[in-house]
Amino acid sequence: MDFIKKIFQDNFAKSAFIILAVLYLVILLADFIAPYSNSYSNREMSYAPPSKIYTIDENGKLSRPYTYNYVRCYEPALMQTVFKQDRCRKYYLRLFPKSENYKLLGIIPLNRHLFGTDCGGELYLLGTDINGRDVFSRLLFGGRISMTVGFLALLVVFPIGLLYGGISGYFGGIVDTLMMRFAEAVMAIPSFYLLIILAAILPSGMTSVQRFSLIVIILALIGWAGFARVVRGMVLSIKKEDFIQAEKTIGASNLRIILKHILPQTTSYVIIAMTLSVPSYILAESGLSFLGLGIQQPDASWGNMLKEAQEFTNILYRPWLLTPGLLIFIAVLSFNLLGDAIRDILDPKSQKRI
């Protein structure tokens, strides 16, 4: 509780914590919050603009929120397809309407969503993409991948890096030399080109889940070496402490000393490193998916959704397609602000005090 209080004393860290908590809560409840499922598509509404929501009726009086459906038509003067509102019928917004069936948290079967419209109405809060899929709904489902890839990678990176660096630093000598040379060899692997090669040789029939798992494993297997080197340097200094020598004197095994006494001393650094590492994995997954090496369509991730916005015409006429990039920016910035605050709290050598 004291740790949480110190975080909330920093306004930037408090804001970052709240933003991340909201983001993770929203993507956790994506099936309930999203008005459409991940597989929803309406080709007639390709690149439809965001729906306009009205609270004032045609008589100038306050009204329940409502919207109109879009109608796609060709404009000869502009020589392009445009969307016009069909004002023949209003569609009122409703809370908890019945819609597509889904399983909340993958367990509870439900058919009600947080919000929607009257039967027959279409609501696109952030417009649609080229396939007529609701961008807002896909943002929520895509966030599940982009926001969790970092934590899944950490489950591989940190146990390996901690144990490897701890053993190398504790035993020293020829063991340390050989282990560190191997770690440096892993660090020398050009990860970007390795991923390009893998993308070329992997079977085209791989599912996005398999590709997602492969991204996590590759990022983790390449990323542990740098972390192991830092842990090894910390262990070299910790093993000279008196309490370590006392453990050796009473006959404690090397494995017990490493796991019970040395590695716990690196906890502060590990927590800081984990917090600051998550943004790099979010950017890595988004970048790979943007380049077509990660999550593939029709499954959503913020990276492959942002890929559609790379065309100049989309940036100019369909700015809602840039929303995934904004969310990536907000998530990465929030993690960095929170990581800086945690570092200031846990690092005794830090000059800043919260």
Protein backbone atom coordinates (compact mmCIF):
# COMPACT_ATOMS: atom_id res chain seq x y z
CA MET A 1 0.00 0.00 0.00
CA ASP A 2 2.87 2.38 0.73
CA PHE A 3 4.28 1.63 -2.72
CA ILE A 4 0.93 2.45 -4.39
CA LYS A 5 0.66 5.67 -2.37
CA LYS A 6 4.07 6.79 -3.61
CA ILE A 7 3.05 6.13 -7.20
CA PHE A 8 -0.14 8.16 -6.77
CA GLN A 9 1.85 11.07 -5.34
CA ASP A 10 3.34 11.56 -8.80
CA ASN A 11 0.68 13.07 -11.05
CA PHE A 12 2.22 11.71 -14.25
CA ALA A 13 2.58 8.20 -12.81
CA LYS A 14 -0.96 8.31 -11.42
CA SER A 15 -2.35 9.33 -14.80
CA ALA A 16 -0.33 6.61 -16.54
CA PHE A 17 -1.52 3.98 -14.06
CA ILE A 18 -5.17 4.97 -14.52
CA ILE A 19 -4.86 5.00 -18.33
CA LEU A 20 -3.28 1.54 -18.40
CA ALA A 21 -5.85 0.18 -15.95
CA VAL A 22 -8.67 1.49 -18.16
CA LEU A 23 -7.05 0.09 -21.32
CA TYR A 24 -6.64 -3.38 -19.84
CA LEU A 25 -10.14 -3.37 -18.39
CA VAL A 26 -11.61 -2.37 -21.75
CA ILE A 27 -9.75 -5.02 -23.75
CA LEU A 28 -10.61 -7.63 -21.11
CA LEU A 29 -14.31 -6.84 -21.58
CA ALA A 30 -13.99 -6.25 -25.34
CA ASP A 31 -16.72 -8.76 -26.23
CA PHE A 32 -19.18 -6.89 -24.02
CA ILE A 33 -18.14 -3.33 -24.84
CA ALA A 34 -17.68 -3.70 -28.60
CA PRO A 35 -20.95 -3.26 -30.52
CA TYR A 36 -19.82 -5.79 -33.13
CA SER A 37 -17.90 -9.06 -33.04
CA ASN A 38 -14.36 -9.48 -34.30
CA SER A 39 -15.66 -11.23 -37.44
CA TYR A 40 -18.32 -8.63 -38.34
CA SER A 41 -18.06 -7.23 -41.87
CA ASN A 42 -20.36 -5.21 -44.13
CA ARG A 43 -18.72 -4.69 -47.52
CA GLU A 44 -21.37 -2.13 -48.50
CA MET A 45 -20.03 0.12 -45.74
CA SER A 46 -16.37 0.05 -46.84
CA TYR A 47 -14.61 3.17 -45.50
CA ALA A 48 -17.81 4.55 -43.99
CA PRO A 49 -17.10 7.63 -41.83
CA PRO A 50 -17.84 7.69 -38.09
CA SER A 51 -21.53 7.76 -37.28
CA LYS A 52 -22.90 11.13 -36.21
CA ILE A 53 -24.82 11.06 -32.95
CA TYR A 54 -27.48 13.67 -32.38
CA THR A 55 -29.07 14.86 -29.14
CA ILE A 56 -31.16 17.67 -30.66
CA ASP A 57 -34.06 16.76 -32.93
CA GLU A 58 -35.21 18.58 -36.09
CA ASN A 59 -37.46 20.83 -33.97
CA GLY A 60 -34.55 22.03 -31.87
CA LYS A 61 -35.65 20.11 -28.77
CA LEU A 62 -33.50 17.89 -26.55
CA SER A 63 -33.83 14.25 -27.55
CA ARG A 64 -32.53 10.82 -26.70
CA PRO A 65 -29.24 10.20 -28.56
CA TYR A 66 -29.94 8.92 -32.05
CA THR A 67 -28.19 8.39 -35.37
CA TYR A 68 -28.98 7.76 -39.03
CA ASN A 69 -27.73 4.94 -41.22
CA TYR A 70 -25.38 5.74 -44.05
CA VAL A 71 -26.26 5.12 -47.70
CA ARG A 72 -23.46 4.55 -50.17
CA CYS A 73 -23.85 6.35 -53.49
CA TYR A 74 -21.76 7.64 -56.38
CA GLU A 75 -21.20 11.38 -56.79
CA PRO A 76 -20.59 12.19 -60.50
CA ALA A 77 -19.30 15.69 -59.78
CA LEU A 78 -16.60 14.34 -57.49
CA MET A 79 -16.19 11.10 -59.45
CA GLN A 80 -16.05 9.11 -56.24
CA THR A 81 -18.21 7.14 -53.82
CA VAL A 82 -19.65 9.12 -50.92
CA PHE A 83 -21.78 8.29 -47.89
CA LYS A 84 -24.96 10.19 -47.18
CA GLN A 85 -27.25 9.88 -44.20
CA ASP A 86 -30.62 8.27 -44.76
CA ARG A 87 -32.85 10.60 -42.75
CA CYS A 88 -35.99 8.59 -43.35
CA ARG A 89 -35.61 6.85 -40.00
CA LYS A 90 -33.94 7.58 -36.70
CA TYR A 91 -32.16 4.86 -34.77
CA TYR A 92 -31.99 5.58 -31.06
CA LEU A 93 -28.98 4.51 -29.02
CA ARG A 94 -29.71 1.91 -26.38
CA LEU A 95 -27.87 0.44 -23.42
CA PHE A 96 -27.48 -3.34 -23.16
CA PRO A 97 -29.23 -4.23 -26.43
CA LYS A 98 -29.39 -7.82 -27.67
CA SER A 99 -26.94 -8.60 -30.45
CA GLU A 100 -24.48 -11.32 -31.49
CA ASN A 101 -23.82 -14.15 -29.06
CA TYR A 102 -20.44 -14.32 -27.33
CA LYS A 103 -18.76 -15.65 -24.20
CA LEU A 104 -17.71 -13.05 -21.67
CA LEU A 105 -14.13 -13.78 -20.54
CA GLY A 106 -14.44 -16.89 -22.68
CA ILE A 107 -16.73 -18.50 -20.10
CA ILE A 108 -20.10 -16.77 -19.62
CA PRO A 109 -22.46 -16.98 -22.64
CA LEU A 110 -24.19 -13.64 -23.30
CA ASN A 111 -25.92 -11.83 -26.12
CA ARG A 112 -26.09 -8.29 -24.71
CA HIS A 113 -23.54 -5.56 -25.42
CA LEU A 114 -22.83 -2.35 -23.56
CA PHE A 115 -24.45 -0.14 -26.17
CA GLY A 116 -26.01 -0.28 -29.62
CA THR A 117 -28.95 1.00 -31.61
CA ASP A 118 -32.51 0.02 -32.39
CA CYS A 119 -32.96 -3.05 -34.59
CA GLY A 120 -31.68 -2.33 -38.09
CA GLY A 121 -29.44 0.55 -37.03
CA GLU A 122 -25.71 0.74 -37.71
CA LEU A 123 -23.33 2.46 -35.32
CA TYR A 124 -19.69 3.06 -36.28
CA LEU A 125 -18.09 5.22 -33.61
CA LEU A 126 -14.75 5.34 -35.45
CA GLY A 127 -15.89 4.51 -38.96
CA THR A 128 -15.05 1.33 -40.87
CA ASP A 129 -12.06 -0.09 -42.74
CA ILE A 130 -11.75 -1.24 -46.34
CA ASN A 131 -13.72 -4.42 -45.59
CA GLY A 132 -16.55 -2.61 -43.81
CA ARG A 133 -15.44 -3.73 -40.35
CA ASP A 134 -16.11 -1.51 -37.35
CA VAL A 135 -12.81 0.15 -36.38
CA PHE A 136 -13.85 0.75 -32.75
CA SER A 137 -14.67 -2.93 -32.18
CA ARG A 138 -11.45 -4.08 -33.87
CA LEU A 139 -9.43 -1.69 -31.72
CA LEU A 140 -10.69 -3.45 -28.62
CA PHE A 141 -10.01 -6.94 -29.95
CA GLY A 142 -6.68 -5.92 -31.46
CA GLY A 143 -5.60 -4.46 -28.13
CA ARG A 144 -5.74 -7.92 -26.60
CA ILE A 145 -2.79 -8.93 -28.74
CA SER A 146 -0.81 -5.69 -28.78
CA MET A 147 -1.14 -5.08 -25.03
CA THR A 148 -0.42 -8.64 -23.87
CA VAL A 149 2.48 -9.62 -26.15
CA GLY A 150 4.92 -7.80 -23.85
CA PHE A 151 3.87 -9.65 -20.71
CA LEU A 152 3.95 -13.02 -22.45
CA ALA A 153 7.47 -12.29 -23.68
CA LEU A 154 8.55 -11.29 -20.17
CA LEU A 155 7.47 -14.70 -18.87
CA VAL A 156 10.20 -16.16 -21.07
CA VAL A 157 12.83 -13.42 -20.96
CA PHE A 158 13.13 -12.77 -17.24
CA PRO A 159 13.26 -16.32 -15.83
CA ILE A 160 15.92 -17.27 -18.38
CA GLY A 161 17.85 -14.03 -17.96
CA LEU A 162 17.73 -14.14 -14.16
CA LEU A 163 18.89 -17.74 -13.85
CA TYR A 164 21.47 -17.50 -16.63
CA GLY A 165 22.95 -14.25 -15.35
CA GLY A 166 22.85 -15.46 -11.75
CA ILE A 167 24.74 -18.68 -12.51
CA SER A 168 27.29 -16.87 -14.69
CA GLY A 169 28.04 -14.18 -12.13
CA TYR A 170 28.09 -16.53 -9.13
CA PHE A 171 30.53 -19.12 -10.48
CA GLY A 172 32.73 -16.72 -12.46
CA GLY A 173 35.93 -17.90 -14.10
CA ILE A 174 35.72 -20.08 -17.19
CA VAL A 175 31.99 -20.69 -16.63
CA ASP A 176 31.32 -16.95 -16.67
CA THR A 177 33.48 -16.45 -19.76
CA LEU A 178 31.79 -19.19 -21.79
CA MET A 179 28.27 -18.20 -20.75
CA MET A 180 28.82 -14.52 -21.50
CA ARG A 181 30.37 -15.23 -24.90
CA PHE A 182 27.28 -17.26 -25.78
CA ALA A 183 25.02 -14.44 -24.57
CA GLU A 184 26.95 -11.96 -26.70
CA ALA A 185 26.55 -14.25 -29.70
CA VAL A 186 22.77 -14.24 -29.14
CA MET A 187 22.79 -10.44 -28.85
CA ALA A 188 24.64 -10.23 -32.17
CA ILE A 189 21.81 -11.98 -34.03
CA PRO A 190 20.06 -9.39 -36.24
CA SER A 191 16.52 -9.94 -35.00
CA PHE A 192 14.83 -7.92 -37.75
CA TYR A 193 16.42 -9.89 -40.57
CA LEU A 194 15.84 -13.14 -38.73
CA LEU A 195 12.13 -12.38 -38.57
CA ILE A 196 12.05 -11.52 -42.27
CA ILE A 197 13.66 -14.87 -43.10
CA LEU A 198 11.21 -16.70 -40.86
CA ALA A 199 8.28 -14.90 -42.48
CA ALA A 200 9.50 -16.10 -45.87
CA ILE A 201 9.94 -19.76 -44.91
CA LEU A 202 6.96 -20.22 -42.60
CA PRO A 203 3.95 -22.01 -44.09
CA SER A 204 1.34 -19.57 -45.39
CA GLY A 205 -1.40 -21.59 -43.70
CA MET A 206 -0.29 -20.71 -40.18
CA THR A 207 -3.03 -19.23 -38.03
CA SER A 208 -2.64 -15.86 -36.35
CA VAL A 209 -2.50 -17.61 -32.97
CA GLN A 210 0.49 -19.62 -34.16
CA ARG A 211 2.13 -16.51 -35.58
CA PHE A 212 1.43 -14.64 -32.36
CA SER A 213 3.05 -17.41 -30.31
CA LEU A 214 6.03 -17.43 -32.68
CA ILE A 215 6.49 -13.66 -32.33
CA VAL A 216 6.49 -13.95 -28.53
CA ILE A 217 9.00 -16.81 -28.53
CA ILE A 218 11.37 -15.18 -31.01
CA LEU A 219 11.31 -11.80 -29.26
CA ALA A 220 11.92 -13.52 -25.94
CA LEU A 221 14.73 -15.82 -27.12
CA ILE A 222 16.57 -12.85 -28.61
CA GLY A 223 15.89 -10.43 -25.76
CA TRP A 224 17.05 -12.41 -22.72
CA ALA A 225 20.79 -12.00 -23.32
CA GLY A 226 21.02 -8.29 -22.59
CA PHE A 227 19.04 -8.70 -19.38
CA ALA A 228 21.27 -11.62 -18.33
CA ARG A 229 24.40 -9.48 -18.69
CA VAL A 230 23.03 -6.82 -16.34
CA VAL A 231 21.99 -9.45 -13.76
CA ARG A 232 25.43 -11.05 -14.01
CA GLY A 233 27.08 -7.71 -13.17
CA MET A 234 24.83 -7.28 -10.13
CA VAL A 235 25.53 -10.82 -8.93
CA LEU A 236 29.30 -10.27 -9.17
CA SER A 237 29.03 -7.57 -6.52
CA ILE A 238 26.35 -9.23 -4.39
CA LYS A 239 28.23 -12.54 -4.00
CA LYS A 240 31.03 -10.73 -2.13
CA GLU A 241 28.68 -9.64 0.66
CA ASP A 242 29.14 -11.07 4.15
CA PHE A 243 25.76 -12.84 4.29
CA ILE A 244 26.67 -14.82 1.16
CA GLN A 245 29.95 -15.90 2.70
CA ALA A 246 28.07 -16.90 5.86
CA GLU A 247 25.73 -19.11 3.79
CA LYS A 248 28.72 -20.83 2.22
CA THR A 249 30.24 -21.38 5.65
CA ILE A 250 27.18 -23.23 6.96
CA GLY A 251 27.19 -25.47 3.90
CA ALA A 252 24.31 -24.07 1.83
CA SER A 253 24.24 -25.39 -1.73
CA ASN A 254 25.12 -23.12 -4.63
CA LEU A 255 21.61 -23.40 -6.08
CA ARG A 256 20.05 -22.39 -2.76
CA ILE A 257 22.38 -19.39 -2.43
CA ILE A 258 21.57 -18.23 -5.97
CA LEU A 259 17.80 -18.69 -5.73
CA LYS A 260 17.21 -17.72 -2.09
CA HIS A 261 19.77 -15.03 -1.41
CA ILE A 262 21.35 -13.56 -4.54
CA LEU A 263 18.53 -13.28 -7.10
CA PRO A 264 16.06 -11.74 -4.60
CA GLN A 265 18.56 -8.88 -4.17
CA THR A 266 17.96 -7.97 -7.82
CA THR A 267 14.19 -7.60 -7.34
CA SER A 268 14.16 -3.81 -7.58
CA TYR A 269 16.02 -3.84 -10.88
CA VAL A 270 13.85 -6.66 -12.23
CA ILE A 271 10.61 -4.79 -11.50
CA ILE A 272 11.97 -1.63 -13.13
CA ALA A 273 13.28 -3.54 -16.15
CA MET A 274 10.00 -5.38 -16.63
CA THR A 275 7.98 -2.17 -16.58
CA LEU A 276 10.30 -0.45 -19.05
CA SER A 277 10.56 -3.52 -21.32
CA VAL A 278 6.85 -3.91 -22.03
CA PRO A 279 6.69 -0.82 -24.31
CA SER A 280 9.51 -2.17 -26.49
CA TYR A 281 7.61 -5.43 -27.03
CA ILE A 282 4.41 -3.54 -27.82
CA LEU A 283 6.30 -1.51 -30.44
CA ALA A 284 8.03 -4.64 -31.77
CA GLU A 285 4.75 -6.53 -32.26
CA SER A 286 3.07 -3.50 -33.80
CA GLY A 287 6.01 -2.91 -36.12
CA LEU A 288 6.14 -6.54 -37.24
CA SER A 289 2.40 -6.68 -37.84
CA PHE A 290 2.63 -3.37 -39.73
CA LEU A 291 5.27 -4.91 -42.00
CA GLY A 292 3.16 -8.03 -42.52
CA LEU A 293 5.42 -10.30 -40.44
CA GLY A 294 3.14 -10.63 -37.43
CA ILE A 295 -0.60 -10.95 -36.94
CA GLN A 296 -2.37 -11.38 -40.27
CA GLN A 297 -5.81 -10.30 -41.42
CA PRO A 298 -8.63 -10.93 -40.67
CA ASP A 299 -7.40 -11.09 -37.05
CA ALA A 300 -6.78 -7.66 -35.58
CA SER A 301 -3.81 -6.10 -33.87
CA TRP A 302 -2.98 -2.41 -33.63
CA GLY A 303 -0.01 -2.94 -35.93
CA ASN A 304 -1.85 -4.49 -38.86
CA MET A 305 -4.75 -2.05 -38.41
CA LEU A 306 -2.31 0.85 -38.69
CA LYS A 307 -0.92 -0.63 -41.90
CA GLU A 308 -4.08 0.41 -43.72
CA ALA A 309 -3.45 4.04 -42.79
CA GLN A 310 -0.08 4.21 -44.55
CA GLU A 311 -1.69 5.35 -47.81
CA PHE A 312 -1.71 9.11 -48.27
CA THR A 313 -5.35 9.21 -49.32
CA ASN A 314 -6.40 7.38 -46.16
CA ILE A 315 -4.42 9.76 -43.97
CA LEU A 316 -6.00 12.73 -45.73
CA TYR A 317 -9.61 11.58 -46.10
CA ARG A 318 -9.99 8.82 -43.48
CA PRO A 319 -8.11 10.00 -40.36
CA TRP A 320 -10.03 7.58 -38.13
CA LEU A 321 -7.76 4.82 -39.46
CA LEU A 322 -4.87 6.44 -37.54
CA THR A 323 -6.51 5.68 -34.18
CA PRO A 324 -4.41 2.50 -33.56
CA GLY A 325 -1.25 4.61 -33.80
CA LEU A 326 -2.63 7.01 -31.20
CA LEU A 327 -3.39 4.12 -28.83
CA ILE A 328 0.11 2.67 -29.32
CA PHE A 329 1.57 6.09 -28.48
CA ILE A 330 -0.59 6.45 -25.35
CA ALA A 331 0.16 2.91 -24.11
CA VAL A 332 3.93 3.18 -24.64
CA LEU A 333 4.10 6.64 -23.06
CA SER A 334 2.06 5.45 -20.06
CA PHE A 335 4.33 2.45 -19.48
CA ASN A 336 7.44 4.65 -19.68
CA LEU A 337 6.04 7.21 -17.23
CA LEU A 338 5.02 4.46 -14.82
CA GLY A 339 8.40 2.76 -15.20
CA ASP A 340 10.25 5.98 -14.43
CA ALA A 341 8.17 6.47 -11.28
CA ILE A 342 8.81 2.89 -10.12
CA ARG A 343 12.53 3.35 -10.75
CA ASP A 344 12.58 6.50 -8.63
CA ILE A 345 10.76 4.70 -5.80
CA LEU A 346 12.79 1.48 -5.77
CA ASP A 347 16.25 2.72 -6.75
CA PRO A 348 18.03 3.88 -3.57
CA LYS A 349 20.64 5.73 -5.66
CA SER A 350 18.04 7.81 -7.46
CA GLN A 351 18.34 11.50 -6.82
CA LYS A 352 14.63 12.10 -7.32
CA ARG A 353 12.27 11.35 -4.49
CA ILE A 354 8.50 11.10 -4.91
